[in-house]
Amino acid sequence: MNIPQRVFLNGRFMPAESATIPVFDRGFIFGDGVYEVIPVYGRRLFRLPNHLARLDMSLAAIGLGQPMSHARWAEILEQVVRENDDTGGDMSVYLQVTRGVAPRDHAYPKNVSPTVFAYAQPLTYPDPAQLRRGVNAVTVPDVRWSRCDIKAIALLPNVMLRQHAVERDAAEAILIRDGVMTEGAASNIFIVEAGHLVTPPKGLFILPGITRDLVVELARAHGIPCTEENVGEARLLAADEVWMTSSTKEIMPIVRINDRPVGSGKPGPLHARLHTLYQEYKRAFRAGEVD
C-alpha cells in the first residue's frame, strides 16, 4: 500500500500514521465537505489557480467559508509536495475541507472550525498499452443528485456506478440522464464527429474538469473545431471517437461502449493529435514556459 510519508492536518505537518480525525467530524458522519486533486509536474502544482477557483466554487455552494487565502493554500500545498518528494517524479496532491467537528445534526453548525487535510503521493499513469489500445465503457442511468458540479466528498453514487462498469470489464461508466450524456463516473467525456470535437456544456449535472477545460483550450488554440453542446445517447454511440478525460487518466480513448466498437474500434487520429498537444503542454509546464 502506497502510504504518504507526511500529511497536513489542521495547520500541522505530521507523519501519516499519526494523523487522526474525530469520529464526529461532519465529513465522516455526513460526507459534508469538498475536495480537489492536483497533479504535480516537475515539482510544480499544475494549474493551481484553476483548482483553487473550483475549490472556491464548491465551498460557496455548500455554504462553507474559504479557510485561507489562495496564497496560503499555495504555500501549504507546495510544502506538502516537498515533504513527500523523494524522487522528483510526478505526483498528485489530494486536498479535503470538511465542515468540521460538531454534535450530529443535519443543519449546519455555527462557530465550527473546518477540518483541512492534504497529502501527496506518486502520480499513477494509465498503462501505455491502454493508450495504444483504448478502453471499454458502458452507459448507465445517471442516478446521482442534482448538484454534480460540486466536487463533494460524498461520492457513493459515483463509486457504485464505477463498480458497475468494473464488473462488466469496463474502465468507465458513461452517465445518461433523460437520454442525454452528462459525464463519466470519474471523468469528463468528449466525442468526435468528422474531425469535430464535442463535449457537454458545464452545468449542474457536470463537474467542471480542469483537464476537460485544458483539452478545449488546446483544441481551439490549434484550430481544431470544438463545441460544448448536449450529446444524446444515440449520438454518443454513433461517434467516430470517444474519450474520457481526468487529471490522472489525462486523455484516454474509449474504443468500445456496451460491447460495441466506437468508430473503427481503435484510438482515432484526433485523439493522437490532442494527446501529443497535451504532452507538449506538460513538458512546457515542467520547464516553466507556461502556467
C-alpha atoms as a PDB file:
ATOM      1  CA  MET A   1       0.000   0.000   0.000  1.00  0.00           C
ATOM      2  CA  ASN A   2       1.419   3.376  -1.025  1.00  0.00           C
ATOM      3  CA  ILE A   3       1.022   5.497   2.127  1.00  0.00           C
ATOM      4  CA  PRO A   4       2.202   9.148   2.022  1.00  0.00           C
ATOM      5  CA  GLN A   5       5.142   9.995   4.283  1.00  0.00           C
ATOM      6  CA  ARG A   6       3.761  13.162   5.858  1.00  0.00           C
ATOM      7  CA  VAL A   7       0.381  14.851   5.694  1.00  0.00           C
ATOM      8  CA  PHE A   8      -1.026  18.272   6.509  1.00  0.00           C
ATOM      9  CA  LEU A   9      -3.894  18.294   9.005  1.00  0.00           C
ATOM     10  CA  ASN A  10      -5.401  21.410  10.599  1.00  0.00           C
ATOM     11  CA  GLY A  11      -2.314  23.589  10.480  1.00  0.00           C
ATOM     12  CA  ARG A  12       0.395  20.997  11.163  1.00  0.00           C
ATOM     13  CA  PHE A  13       2.529  18.571   9.207  1.00  0.00           C
ATOM     14  CA  MET A  14       2.844  15.126  10.746  1.00  0.00           C
ATOM     15  CA  PRO A  15       3.589  11.505   9.861  1.00  0.00           C
ATOM     16  CA  ALA A  16       0.628   9.938   8.083  1.00  0.00           C
ATOM     17  CA  GLU A  17       0.258   7.271  10.773  1.00  0.00           C
ATOM     18  CA  SER A  18      -0.129   9.987  13.429  1.00  0.00           C
ATOM     19  CA  ALA A  19      -2.952  11.854  11.659  1.00  0.00           C
ATOM     20  CA  THR A  20      -6.376  11.266  13.207  1.00  0.00           C
ATOM     21  CA  ILE A  21      -9.794  12.877  12.775  1.00  0.00           C
ATOM     22  CA  PRO A  22     -12.561  12.804  15.430  1.00  0.00           C
ATOM     23  CA  VAL A  23     -15.433  10.446  14.695  1.00  0.00           C
ATOM     24  CA  PHE A  24     -17.878  13.377  14.896  1.00  0.00           C
ATOM     25  CA  ASP A  25     -16.232  15.192  12.006  1.00  0.00           C
ATOM     26  CA  ARG A  26     -19.068  16.019   9.613  1.00  0.00           C
ATOM     27  CA  GLY A  27     -17.038  14.690   6.711  1.00  0.00           C
ATOM     28  CA  PHE A  28     -17.118  11.271   8.365  1.00  0.00           C
ATOM     29  CA  ILE A  29     -20.734  11.459   9.569  1.00  0.00           C
ATOM     30  CA  PHE A  30     -22.399  13.189   6.593  1.00  0.00           C
ATOM     31  CA  GLY A  31     -19.856  13.437   3.768  1.00  0.00           C
ATOM     32  CA  ASP A  32     -20.140  17.181   4.438  1.00  0.00           C
ATOM     33  CA  GLY A  33     -17.107  18.516   2.623  1.00  0.00           C
ATOM     34  CA  VAL A  34     -15.343  19.098  -0.687  1.00  0.00           C
ATOM     35  CA  TYR A  35     -12.024  18.119  -2.240  1.00  0.00           C
ATOM     36  CA  GLU A  36      -9.515  18.697  -5.025  1.00  0.00           C
ATOM     37  CA  VAL A  37      -6.910  16.512  -6.741  1.00  0.00           C
ATOM     38  CA  ILE A  38      -3.998  18.482  -8.217  1.00  0.00           C
ATOM     39  CA  PRO A  39      -1.290  16.926 -10.425  1.00  0.00           C
ATOM     40  CA  VAL A  40       2.317  17.945  -9.803  1.00  0.00           C
ATOM     41  CA  TYR A  41       4.797  18.010 -12.701  1.00  0.00           C
ATOM     42  CA  GLY A  42       8.428  18.981 -12.160  1.00  0.00           C
ATOM     43  CA  ARG A  43       7.557  19.894  -8.541  1.00  0.00           C
ATOM     44  CA  ARG A  44       5.025  22.449  -9.872  1.00  0.00           C
ATOM     45  CA  LEU A  45       1.332  22.275  -8.957  1.00  0.00           C
ATOM     46  CA  PHE A  46      -0.484  22.011 -12.282  1.00  0.00           C
ATOM     47  CA  ARG A  47      -2.980  24.795 -13.000  1.00  0.00           C
ATOM     48  CA  LEU A  48      -3.250  25.605  -9.302  1.00  0.00           C
ATOM     49  CA  PRO A  49      -5.306  28.815  -9.795  1.00  0.00           C
ATOM     50  CA  ASN A  50      -7.911  26.790 -11.724  1.00  0.00           C
ATOM     51  CA  HIS A  51      -8.099  24.164  -8.983  1.00  0.00           C
ATOM     52  CA  LEU A  52      -8.406  26.795  -6.258  1.00  0.00           C
ATOM     53  CA  ALA A  53     -11.131  28.593  -8.225  1.00  0.00           C
ATOM     54  CA  ARG A  54     -13.070  25.320  -8.386  1.00  0.00           C
ATOM     55  CA  LEU A  55     -12.470  24.822  -4.663  1.00  0.00           C
ATOM     56  CA  ASP A  56     -13.913  28.299  -4.043  1.00  0.00           C
ATOM     57  CA  MET A  57     -16.992  27.384  -6.062  1.00  0.00           C
ATOM     58  CA  SER A  58     -17.519  24.090  -4.231  1.00  0.00           C
ATOM     59  CA  LEU A  59     -17.092  25.694  -0.794  1.00  0.00           C
ATOM     60  CA  ALA A  60     -19.510  28.505  -1.660  1.00  0.00           C
ATOM     61  CA  ALA A  61     -22.053  26.004  -2.991  1.00  0.00           C
ATOM     62  CA  ILE A  62     -22.200  24.183   0.352  1.00  0.00           C
ATOM     63  CA  GLY A  63     -22.125  27.383   2.416  1.00  0.00           C
ATOM     64  CA  LEU A  64     -18.657  26.824   3.838  1.00  0.00           C
ATOM     65  CA  GLY A  65     -16.283  29.768   4.079  1.00  0.00           C
ATOM     66  CA  GLN A  66     -12.853  29.644   2.447  1.00  0.00           C
ATOM     67  CA  PRO A  67     -10.483  28.729   5.343  1.00  0.00           C
ATOM     68  CA  MET A  68      -7.477  30.555   3.863  1.00  0.00           C
ATOM     69  CA  SER A  69      -6.271  32.713   1.007  1.00  0.00           C
ATOM     70  CA  HIS A  70      -5.072  31.349  -2.317  1.00  0.00           C
ATOM     71  CA  ALA A  71      -1.557  32.484  -1.431  1.00  0.00           C
ATOM     72  CA  ARG A  72      -1.649  30.492   1.811  1.00  0.00           C
ATOM     73  CA  TRP A  73      -3.050  27.443   0.012  1.00  0.00           C
ATOM     74  CA  ALA A  74      -0.141  27.643  -2.425  1.00  0.00           C
ATOM     75  CA  GLU A  75       2.374  27.763   0.436  1.00  0.00           C
ATOM     76  CA  ILE A  76       0.844  24.757   2.181  1.00  0.00           C
ATOM     77  CA  LEU A  77       0.440  22.632  -0.927  1.00  0.00           C
ATOM     78  CA  GLU A  78       3.971  23.375  -2.107  1.00  0.00           C
ATOM     79  CA  GLN A  79       5.216  22.227   1.292  1.00  0.00           C
ATOM     80  CA  VAL A  80       3.069  19.088   1.023  1.00  0.00           C
ATOM     81  CA  VAL A  81       4.956  18.311  -2.176  1.00  0.00           C
ATOM     82  CA  ARG A  82       8.353  18.963  -0.561  1.00  0.00           C
ATOM     83  CA  GLU A  83       7.526  16.800   2.455  1.00  0.00           C
ATOM     84  CA  ASN A  84       6.824  13.814   0.188  1.00  0.00           C
ATOM     85  CA  ASP A  85       9.196  14.382  -2.719  1.00  0.00           C
ATOM     86  CA  ASP A  86      11.884  11.692  -2.636  1.00  0.00           C
ATOM     87  CA  THR A  87      12.414  11.265  -6.367  1.00  0.00           C
ATOM     88  CA  GLY A  88      11.226  14.461  -8.046  1.00  0.00           C
ATOM     89  CA  GLY A  89       8.763  12.400 -10.038  1.00  0.00           C
ATOM     90  CA  ASP A  90       5.219  13.363 -10.929  1.00  0.00           C
ATOM     91  CA  MET A  91       2.786  13.433  -8.023  1.00  0.00           C
ATOM     92  CA  SER A  92      -0.785  14.235  -7.132  1.00  0.00           C
ATOM     93  CA  VAL A  93      -1.950  16.292  -4.158  1.00  0.00           C
ATOM     94  CA  TYR A  94      -5.265  15.499  -2.501  1.00  0.00           C
ATOM     95  CA  LEU A  95      -6.903  18.354  -0.591  1.00  0.00           C
ATOM     96  CA  GLN A  96     -10.060  17.970   1.511  1.00  0.00           C
ATOM     97  CA  VAL A  97     -12.050  20.502   3.528  1.00  0.00           C
ATOM     98  CA  THR A  98     -14.952  19.410   5.729  1.00  0.00           C
ATOM     99  CA  ARG A  99     -17.291  21.498   7.858  1.00  0.00           C
ATOM    100  CA  GLY A 100     -15.529  20.257  10.982  1.00  0.00           C
ATOM    101  CA  VAL A 101     -16.436  18.559  14.265  1.00  0.00           C
ATOM    102  CA  ALA A 102     -19.868  19.093  15.841  1.00  0.00           C
ATOM    103  CA  PRO A 103     -22.669  17.126  17.530  1.00  0.00           C
ATOM    104  CA  ARG A 104     -24.601  15.136  14.936  1.00  0.00           C
ATOM    105  CA  ASP A 105     -27.344  17.321  13.464  1.00  0.00           C
ATOM    106  CA  HIS A 106     -28.257  17.695   9.801  1.00  0.00           C
ATOM    107  CA  ALA A 107     -28.349  21.510   9.977  1.00  0.00           C
ATOM    108  CA  TYR A 108     -25.081  23.403   9.575  1.00  0.00           C
ATOM    109  CA  PRO A 109     -23.490  24.079  12.989  1.00  0.00           C
ATOM    110  CA  LYS A 110     -22.318  27.581  13.911  1.00  0.00           C
ATOM    111  CA  ASN A 111     -18.849  28.641  15.029  1.00  0.00           C
ATOM    112  CA  VAL A 112     -17.152  25.403  13.983  1.00  0.00           C
ATOM    113  CA  SER A 113     -13.640  25.299  12.523  1.00  0.00           C
ATOM    114  CA  PRO A 114     -13.355  23.380   9.255  1.00  0.00           C
ATOM    115  CA  THR A 115     -11.109  20.331   9.025  1.00  0.00           C
ATOM    116  CA  VAL A 116      -8.358  20.826   6.425  1.00  0.00           C
ATOM    117  CA  PHE A 117      -6.405  17.788   5.228  1.00  0.00           C
ATOM    118  CA  ALA A 118      -3.880  17.378   2.409  1.00  0.00           C
ATOM    119  CA  TYR A 119      -1.347  14.809   1.266  1.00  0.00           C
ATOM    120  CA  ALA A 120       0.746  13.927  -1.784  1.00  0.00           C
ATOM    121  CA  GLN A 121       1.580  10.641  -3.441  1.00  0.00           C
ATOM    122  CA  PRO A 122       3.237   9.491  -6.688  1.00  0.00           C
ATOM    123  CA  LEU A 123       1.036  10.019  -9.725  1.00  0.00           C
ATOM    124  CA  THR A 124      -0.023   6.729 -11.271  1.00  0.00           C
ATOM    125  CA  TYR A 125      -0.442   6.932 -15.020  1.00  0.00           C
ATOM    126  CA  PRO A 126      -2.520   4.601 -17.185  1.00  0.00           C
ATOM    127  CA  ASP A 127      -0.701   1.636 -18.685  1.00  0.00           C
ATOM    128  CA  PRO A 128       0.785   2.819 -22.028  1.00  0.00           C
ATOM    129  CA  ALA A 129      -0.801  -0.248 -23.603  1.00  0.00           C
ATOM    130  CA  GLN A 130      -4.210   1.151 -22.630  1.00  0.00           C
ATOM    131  CA  LEU A 131      -3.460   4.338 -24.547  1.00  0.00           C
ATOM    132  CA  ARG A 132      -2.473   2.311 -27.603  1.00  0.00           C
ATOM    133  CA  ARG A 133      -5.493   0.001 -27.444  1.00  0.00           C
ATOM    134  CA  GLY A 134      -8.115   2.171 -25.762  1.00  0.00           C
ATOM    135  CA  VAL A 135     -10.544   1.032 -23.069  1.00  0.00           C
ATOM    136  CA  ASN A 136     -14.137  -0.173 -22.775  1.00  0.00           C
ATOM    137  CA  ALA A 137     -17.054   1.729 -21.269  1.00  0.00           C
ATOM    138  CA  VAL A 138     -20.710   1.109 -20.514  1.00  0.00           C
ATOM    139  CA  THR A 139     -23.651   3.501 -20.409  1.00  0.00           C
ATOM    140  CA  VAL A 140     -25.707   3.655 -17.221  1.00  0.00           C
ATOM    141  CA  PRO A 141     -28.511   5.898 -15.940  1.00  0.00           C
ATOM    142  CA  ASP A 142     -27.207   8.958 -14.096  1.00  0.00           C
ATOM    143  CA  VAL A 143     -28.837   8.375 -10.701  1.00  0.00           C
ATOM    144  CA  ARG A 144     -26.811  10.988  -8.822  1.00  0.00           C
ATOM    145  CA  TRP A 145     -28.187  14.135  -7.202  1.00  0.00           C
ATOM    146  CA  SER A 146     -28.724  17.474  -8.957  1.00  0.00           C
ATOM    147  CA  ARG A 147     -25.539  19.304  -7.865  1.00  0.00           C
ATOM    148  CA  CYS A 148     -22.859  17.264  -9.598  1.00  0.00           C
ATOM    149  CA  ASP A 149     -20.960  20.497 -10.296  1.00  0.00           C
ATOM    150  CA  ILE A 150     -19.843  20.496  -6.619  1.00  0.00           C
ATOM    151  CA  LYS A 151     -16.678  18.462  -6.046  1.00  0.00           C
ATOM    152  CA  ALA A 152     -18.169  16.925  -2.914  1.00  0.00           C
ATOM    153  CA  ILE A 153     -16.604  14.100  -0.913  1.00  0.00           C
ATOM    154  CA  ALA A 154     -19.960  12.238  -0.807  1.00  0.00           C
ATOM    155  CA  LEU A 155     -19.123  10.047  -3.815  1.00  0.00           C
ATOM    156  CA  LEU A 156     -21.088   6.865  -3.072  1.00  0.00           C
ATOM    157  CA  PRO A 157     -23.202   7.085  -6.282  1.00  0.00           C
ATOM    158  CA  ASN A 158     -20.049   7.568  -8.382  1.00  0.00           C
ATOM    159  CA  VAL A 159     -18.390   4.646  -6.603  1.00  0.00           C
ATOM    160  CA  MET A 160     -21.385   2.386  -7.292  1.00  0.00           C
ATOM    161  CA  LEU A 161     -21.562   3.422 -10.951  1.00  0.00           C
ATOM    162  CA  ARG A 162     -17.828   2.834 -11.484  1.00  0.00           C
ATOM    163  CA  GLN A 163     -18.136  -0.568  -9.790  1.00  0.00           C
ATOM    164  CA  HIS A 164     -20.969  -1.401 -12.193  1.00  0.00           C
ATOM    165  CA  ALA A 165     -18.540  -0.710 -15.045  1.00  0.00           C
ATOM    166  CA  VAL A 166     -15.685  -2.695 -13.492  1.00  0.00           C
ATOM    167  CA  GLU A 167     -17.923  -5.734 -13.049  1.00  0.00           C
ATOM    168  CA  ARG A 168     -18.592  -5.598 -16.804  1.00  0.00           C
ATOM    169  CA  ASP A 169     -14.889  -5.431 -17.699  1.00  0.00           C
ATOM    170  CA  ALA A 170     -15.116  -1.707 -18.492  1.00  0.00           C
ATOM    171  CA  ALA A 171     -12.891   1.165 -17.391  1.00  0.00           C
ATOM    172  CA  GLU A 172     -15.648   3.766 -17.078  1.00  0.00           C
ATOM    173  CA  ALA A 173     -19.392   4.251 -16.762  1.00  0.00           C
ATOM    174  CA  ILE A 174     -20.778   6.948 -19.074  1.00  0.00           C
ATOM    175  CA  LEU A 175     -23.791   8.510 -17.389  1.00  0.00           C
ATOM    176  CA  ILE A 176     -27.056   9.200 -19.199  1.00  0.00           C
ATOM    177  CA  ARG A 177     -29.746  11.493 -17.773  1.00  0.00           C
ATOM    178  CA  ASP A 178     -33.057  11.871 -19.643  1.00  0.00           C
ATOM    179  CA  GLY A 179     -31.451  10.496 -22.792  1.00  0.00           C
ATOM    180  CA  VAL A 180     -28.506  12.929 -22.679  1.00  0.00           C
ATOM    181  CA  MET A 181     -24.890  12.151 -21.775  1.00  0.00           C
ATOM    182  CA  THR A 182     -23.588  14.024 -18.737  1.00  0.00           C
ATOM    183  CA  GLU A 183     -20.104  12.728 -17.822  1.00  0.00           C
ATOM    184  CA  GLY A 184     -18.253   9.647 -16.642  1.00  0.00           C
ATOM    185  CA  ALA A 185     -18.412   8.321 -13.092  1.00  0.00           C
ATOM    186  CA  ALA A 186     -14.957   9.864 -12.554  1.00  0.00           C
ATOM    187  CA  SER A 187     -14.220  11.721 -15.788  1.00  0.00           C
ATOM    188  CA  ASN A 188     -15.485  14.116 -18.421  1.00  0.00           C
ATOM    189  CA  ILE A 189     -16.444  12.754 -21.844  1.00  0.00           C
ATOM    190  CA  PHE A 190     -15.664  14.002 -25.363  1.00  0.00           C
ATOM    191  CA  ILE A 191     -16.888  12.690 -28.704  1.00  0.00           C
ATOM    192  CA  VAL A 192     -15.502  13.251 -32.203  1.00  0.00           C
ATOM    193  CA  GLU A 193     -17.703  13.601 -35.288  1.00  0.00           C
ATOM    194  CA  ALA A 194     -15.983  14.089 -38.679  1.00  0.00           C
ATOM    195  CA  GLY A 195     -12.991  15.798 -37.060  1.00  0.00           C
ATOM    196  CA  HIS A 196     -15.169  17.989 -34.799  1.00  0.00           C
ATOM    197  CA  LEU A 197     -14.701  17.726 -31.032  1.00  0.00           C
ATOM    198  CA  VAL A 198     -17.821  17.931 -28.841  1.00  0.00           C
ATOM    199  CA  THR A 199     -18.249  17.831 -25.054  1.00  0.00           C
ATOM    200  CA  PRO A 200     -21.282  18.610 -22.878  1.00  0.00           C
ATOM    201  CA  PRO A 201     -21.549  22.186 -21.568  1.00  0.00           C
ATOM    202  CA  LYS A 202     -20.920  22.939 -17.917  1.00  0.00           C
ATOM    203  CA  GLY A 203     -23.947  22.921 -15.667  1.00  0.00           C
ATOM    204  CA  LEU A 204     -25.411  21.403 -12.516  1.00  0.00           C
ATOM    205  CA  PHE A 205     -25.003  17.826 -13.743  1.00  0.00           C
ATOM    206  CA  ILE A 206     -21.328  18.071 -14.759  1.00  0.00           C
ATOM    207  CA  LEU A 207     -18.202  18.638 -12.693  1.00  0.00           C
ATOM    208  CA  PRO A 208     -16.112  21.359 -14.370  1.00  0.00           C
ATOM    209  CA  GLY A 209     -12.975  19.336 -15.053  1.00  0.00           C
ATOM    210  CA  ILE A 210      -9.588  21.066 -15.155  1.00  0.00           C
ATOM    211  CA  THR A 211      -8.295  18.585 -17.755  1.00  0.00           C
ATOM    212  CA  ARG A 212     -11.536  18.979 -19.726  1.00  0.00           C
ATOM    213  CA  ASP A 213     -11.045  22.732 -19.873  1.00  0.00           C
ATOM    214  CA  LEU A 214      -7.422  22.379 -20.970  1.00  0.00           C
ATOM    215  CA  VAL A 215      -8.393  19.999 -23.778  1.00  0.00           C
ATOM    216  CA  VAL A 216     -10.942  22.555 -25.001  1.00  0.00           C
ATOM    217  CA  GLU A 217      -8.297  25.312 -24.816  1.00  0.00           C
ATOM    218  CA  LEU A 218      -5.695  23.261 -26.705  1.00  0.00           C
ATOM    219  CA  ALA A 219      -8.157  22.260 -29.412  1.00  0.00           C
ATOM    220  CA  ARG A 220      -9.280  25.833 -30.053  1.00  0.00           C
ATOM    221  CA  ALA A 221      -5.704  27.182 -29.908  1.00  0.00           C
ATOM    222  CA  HIS A 222      -4.658  24.744 -32.648  1.00  0.00           C
ATOM    223  CA  GLY A 223      -7.598  25.225 -34.980  1.00  0.00           C
ATOM    224  CA  ILE A 224      -9.470  22.045 -34.070  1.00  0.00           C
ATOM    225  CA  PRO A 225     -13.240  22.651 -34.165  1.00  0.00           C
ATOM    226  CA  CYS A 226     -14.598  22.207 -30.649  1.00  0.00           C
ATOM    227  CA  THR A 227     -18.080  22.923 -29.319  1.00  0.00           C
ATOM    228  CA  GLU A 228     -19.800  22.487 -25.978  1.00  0.00           C
ATOM    229  CA  GLU A 229     -23.310  21.131 -26.504  1.00  0.00           C
ATOM    230  CA  ASN A 230     -25.629  18.392 -25.303  1.00  0.00           C
ATOM    231  CA  VAL A 231     -24.958  14.918 -26.686  1.00  0.00           C
ATOM    232  CA  GLY A 232     -27.767  12.379 -26.799  1.00  0.00           C
ATOM    233  CA  GLU A 233     -27.085   8.704 -26.166  1.00  0.00           C
ATOM    234  CA  ALA A 234     -27.646   7.737 -29.812  1.00  0.00           C
ATOM    235  CA  ARG A 235     -25.157  10.391 -30.905  1.00  0.00           C
ATOM    236  CA  LEU A 236     -22.603   9.117 -28.395  1.00  0.00           C
ATOM    237  CA  LEU A 237     -22.902   5.573 -29.717  1.00  0.00           C
ATOM    238  CA  ALA A 238     -22.553   6.751 -33.339  1.00  0.00           C
ATOM    239  CA  ALA A 239     -19.432   8.886 -32.725  1.00  0.00           C
ATOM    240  CA  ASP A 240     -16.176   8.364 -34.632  1.00  0.00           C
ATOM    241  CA  GLU A 241     -14.152   8.665 -31.410  1.00  0.00           C
ATOM    242  CA  VAL A 242     -14.971   8.882 -27.702  1.00  0.00           C
ATOM    243  CA  TRP A 243     -12.547   9.953 -24.946  1.00  0.00           C
ATOM    244  CA  MET A 244     -12.616  10.328 -21.206  1.00  0.00           C
ATOM    245  CA  THR A 245     -10.500  12.990 -19.502  1.00  0.00           C
ATOM    246  CA  SER A 246      -9.330  13.480 -15.921  1.00  0.00           C
ATOM    247  CA  SER A 247      -6.262  14.619 -14.001  1.00  0.00           C
ATOM    248  CA  THR A 248      -4.970  11.059 -13.653  1.00  0.00           C
ATOM    249  CA  LYS A 249      -6.273   9.450 -16.871  1.00  0.00           C
ATOM    250  CA  GLU A 250      -5.415  12.575 -18.913  1.00  0.00           C
ATOM    251  CA  ILE A 251      -6.991  11.826 -22.352  1.00  0.00           C
ATOM    252  CA  MET A 252      -7.976   8.165 -22.588  1.00  0.00           C
ATOM    253  CA  PRO A 253      -9.603   6.786 -25.760  1.00  0.00           C
ATOM    254  CA  ILE A 254     -12.736   4.671 -25.336  1.00  0.00           C
ATOM    255  CA  VAL A 255     -12.936   2.110 -28.136  1.00  0.00           C
ATOM    256  CA  ARG A 256     -15.965   0.031 -27.097  1.00  0.00           C
ATOM    257  CA  ILE A 257     -19.233   1.059 -25.435  1.00  0.00           C
ATOM    258  CA  ASN A 258     -21.721  -1.570 -24.314  1.00  0.00           C
ATOM    259  CA  ASP A 259     -19.631  -4.203 -26.165  1.00  0.00           C
ATOM    260  CA  ARG A 260     -19.986  -2.324 -29.455  1.00  0.00           C
ATOM    261  CA  PRO A 261     -16.993  -0.735 -31.222  1.00  0.00           C
ATOM    262  CA  VAL A 262     -16.615   3.037 -31.304  1.00  0.00           C
ATOM    263  CA  GLY A 263     -15.793   4.022 -34.901  1.00  0.00           C
ATOM    264  CA  SER A 264     -13.055   1.678 -36.122  1.00  0.00           C
ATOM    265  CA  GLY A 265     -12.707   0.122 -32.673  1.00  0.00           C
ATOM    266  CA  LYS A 266      -9.245   1.681 -32.274  1.00  0.00           C
ATOM    267  CA  PRO A 267      -7.992   5.029 -30.910  1.00  0.00           C
ATOM    268  CA  GLY A 268      -8.569   7.653 -33.579  1.00  0.00           C
ATOM    269  CA  PRO A 269      -6.390  10.306 -35.245  1.00  0.00           C
ATOM    270  CA  LEU A 270      -7.816  13.247 -33.310  1.00  0.00           C
ATOM    271  CA  HIS A 271      -7.029  11.526 -30.028  1.00  0.00           C
ATOM    272  CA  ALA A 272      -3.440  11.056 -31.197  1.00  0.00           C
ATOM    273  CA  ARG A 273      -3.185  14.763 -32.011  1.00  0.00           C
ATOM    274  CA  LEU A 274      -4.680  16.020 -28.744  1.00  0.00           C
ATOM    275  CA  HIS A 275      -2.638  13.538 -26.718  1.00  0.00           C
ATOM    276  CA  THR A 276       0.522  14.930 -28.346  1.00  0.00           C
ATOM    277  CA  LEU A 277      -0.563  18.529 -27.713  1.00  0.00           C
ATOM    278  CA  TYR A 278      -1.323  17.690 -24.089  1.00  0.00           C
ATOM    279  CA  GLN A 279       2.078  16.087 -23.529  1.00  0.00           C
ATOM    280  CA  GLU A 280       3.790  19.082 -25.168  1.00  0.00           C
ATOM    281  CA  TYR A 281       1.904  21.403 -22.817  1.00  0.00           C
ATOM    282  CA  LYS A 282       3.036  19.339 -19.819  1.00  0.00           C
ATOM    283  CA  ARG A 283       6.666  19.482 -20.971  1.00  0.00           C
ATOM    284  CA  ALA A 284       6.372  23.273 -21.325  1.00  0.00           C
ATOM    285  CA  PHE A 285       4.807  23.479 -17.852  1.00  0.00           C
ATOM    286  CA  ARG A 286       7.638  21.489 -16.283  1.00  0.00           C
ATOM    287  CA  ALA A 287      10.101  23.856 -17.937  1.00  0.00           C
ATOM    288  CA  GLY A 288       8.258  26.895 -16.577  1.00  0.00           C
ATOM    289  CA  GLU A 289       7.343  28.102 -20.089  1.00  0.00           C
ATOM    290  CA  VAL A 290       3.562  28.094 -19.413  1.00  0.00           C
ATOM    291  CA  ASP A 291       1.446  28.408 -16.266  1.00  0.00           C
END
